[in-house]
Structure formats: C-alpha cells, structure tokens
Amino acid sequence: MTGNASELLFPPRVLSELGEARGDSWQDLITMVQKAGNASPEESAIVLVMARLNNCAACSTDSFRSTHGCEACSKQSLKRFRGPDEELVKLFEAASIEVKDYLTRL
C-alpha cells in the first residue's frame, strides 16, 4: 500500500504481511500472535516490538517511510535487522513482560 497507508503506530493489520519476512522462528511468532487475537497482550507486545524496530515515534507524514506505508517500512526494518530471528523472539518476550506488567498496574 502507498499513500495514506501510514498510521501513528505500527498497525496490527500489517502482521499478516510480515510472516514471511524472516525465517521459521519469526513466522511461528507471527502465527502465534495472530491466533491470540485482536487486543490480546501478545498483539500489544508485537506492536511494541515493531513500533520500536520501525521507530514509529519519529515517523512524520512527509517522511519517506510514511509515504510508502507501514507495511513497506516494516518489511524494510525486518530486512535490515542484523540479528537472528531468535533475537526478535527475545525482544517480543521482553515486550510481553512489559505489557503484562503494565496491564496489572491498571
């Protein structure tokens, strides 16, 4: 998608397009998150990981990333990530702990 395909933060709707962006561990993680469902702690954790990886907070409407959309930006970020898939899984696990801690404080 191009044009208005950018949002303020990583949109979970893009997850289905990212499963094949990396190897088996990443694909398994995306499948697990999608099975967990909308608004699940798992979905919130992957949104947090991808928002950090994509640097969504620094994205502006006139930036190159924004004009190409969240899907293209996410695929590029995953392609540029130099660590193994297992490192992405560890980032997800840490984000899951953050999300669950936050939810218990509400």
Protein backbone atom coordinates (compact mmCIF):
# COMPACT_ATOMS: atom_id res chain seq x y z
CA MET A 1 0.00 0.00 0.00
CA THR A 2 1.12 3.53 -0.61
CA GLY A 3 -0.22 6.96 0.12
CA ASN A 4 -2.41 7.00 3.21
CA ALA A 5 -1.24 3.60 4.42
CA SER A 6 0.63 5.04 7.41
CA GLU A 7 -0.66 5.31 10.94
CA LEU A 8 0.60 6.79 14.19
CA LEU A 9 1.91 3.48 15.47
CA PHE A 10 2.55 0.10 13.93
CA PRO A 11 -0.87 -1.26 12.86
CA PRO A 12 -1.58 -4.92 13.70
CA ARG A 13 -3.34 -5.34 10.35
CA VAL A 14 0.13 -5.43 8.75
CA LEU A 15 1.17 -8.57 10.67
CA SER A 16 -0.33 -10.92 8.10
CA GLU A 17 2.06 -9.44 5.50
CA LEU A 18 5.17 -9.87 7.67
CA GLY A 19 5.15 -13.60 8.41
CA GLU A 20 7.42 -14.47 5.51
CA ALA A 21 9.76 -11.50 6.01
CA ARG A 22 12.13 -13.62 8.11
CA GLY A 23 12.73 -17.27 8.97
CA ASP A 24 10.75 -20.01 10.71
CA SER A 25 11.04 -18.61 14.26
CA TRP A 26 9.67 -15.28 13.14
CA GLN A 27 6.91 -16.91 11.13
CA ASP A 28 5.94 -19.05 14.15
CA LEU A 29 5.83 -15.94 16.32
CA ILE A 30 3.58 -14.07 13.90
CA THR A 31 1.27 -17.10 13.64
CA MET A 32 1.05 -17.36 17.43
CA VAL A 33 0.26 -13.65 17.80
CA GLN A 34 -2.44 -13.84 15.13
CA LYS A 35 -4.02 -16.84 16.87
CA ALA A 36 -4.04 -14.91 20.15
CA GLY A 37 -6.43 -12.45 18.55
CA ASN A 38 -7.11 -8.74 18.44
CA ALA A 39 -6.37 -6.67 21.54
CA SER A 40 -4.53 -9.58 23.18
CA PRO A 41 -1.40 -8.94 25.26
CA GLU A 42 0.54 -10.81 22.56
CA GLU A 43 -0.70 -8.44 19.88
CA SER A 44 0.19 -5.45 22.05
CA ALA A 45 3.67 -6.87 22.59
CA ILE A 46 4.35 -7.36 18.87
CA VAL A 47 3.04 -3.85 18.17
CA LEU A 48 5.51 -2.55 20.75
CA VAL A 49 8.38 -4.51 19.18
CA MET A 50 7.58 -3.36 15.67
CA ALA A 51 6.99 0.27 16.74
CA ARG A 52 10.44 0.29 18.31
CA LEU A 53 12.07 -1.52 15.40
CA ASN A 54 10.45 0.81 12.85
CA ASN A 55 10.99 3.89 15.01
CA CYS A 56 7.33 4.79 14.54
CA ALA A 57 7.58 7.65 17.05
CA ALA A 58 9.90 9.53 14.68
CA CYS A 59 7.78 8.96 11.57
CA SER A 60 6.08 12.01 10.12
CA THR A 61 3.50 12.35 7.37
CA ASP A 62 6.01 13.76 4.90
CA SER A 63 8.77 11.23 5.56
CA PHE A 64 9.92 8.66 3.02
CA ARG A 65 8.74 5.87 5.34
CA SER A 66 5.30 7.36 5.71
CA THR A 67 4.75 7.88 2.01
CA HIS A 68 5.48 4.20 1.37
CA GLY A 69 3.28 2.97 4.21
CA CYS A 70 3.63 0.88 7.34
CA GLU A 71 3.88 -2.44 5.52
CA ALA A 72 6.84 -1.38 3.37
CA CYS A 73 8.54 0.29 6.34
CA SER A 74 8.10 -2.83 8.48
CA LYS A 75 9.41 -5.15 5.79
CA GLN A 76 12.44 -2.90 5.34
CA SER A 77 13.08 -2.77 9.10
CA LEU A 78 12.90 -6.55 9.36
CA LYS A 79 15.21 -6.93 6.36
CA ARG A 80 17.75 -4.54 7.92
CA PHE A 81 17.62 -6.20 11.34
CA ARG A 82 21.03 -7.85 11.63
CA GLY A 83 20.27 -10.22 14.47
CA PRO A 84 18.83 -13.72 14.13
CA ASP A 85 15.11 -14.41 14.41
CA GLU A 86 15.69 -15.68 17.93
CA GLU A 87 16.73 -12.17 18.93
CA LEU A 88 13.44 -10.84 17.60
CA VAL A 89 11.64 -13.50 19.63
CA LYS A 90 13.56 -12.35 22.73
CA LEU A 91 12.52 -8.76 22.02
CA PHE A 92 8.93 -10.00 21.83
CA GLU A 93 9.26 -11.88 25.12
CA ALA A 94 10.65 -8.77 26.84
CA ALA A 95 7.84 -6.65 25.37
CA SER A 96 5.31 -9.24 26.57
CA ILE A 97 6.59 -8.83 30.11
CA GLU A 98 6.33 -5.03 29.78
CA VAL A 99 2.76 -5.26 28.51
CA LYS A 100 1.67 -7.70 31.22
CA ASP A 101 3.31 -5.58 33.93
CA TYR A 102 1.54 -2.52 32.61
CA LEU A 103 -1.82 -4.31 32.47
CA THR A 104 -1.51 -5.48 36.08
CA ARG A 105 -0.99 -1.86 37.19
CA LEU A 106 -4.22 -0.65 35.57
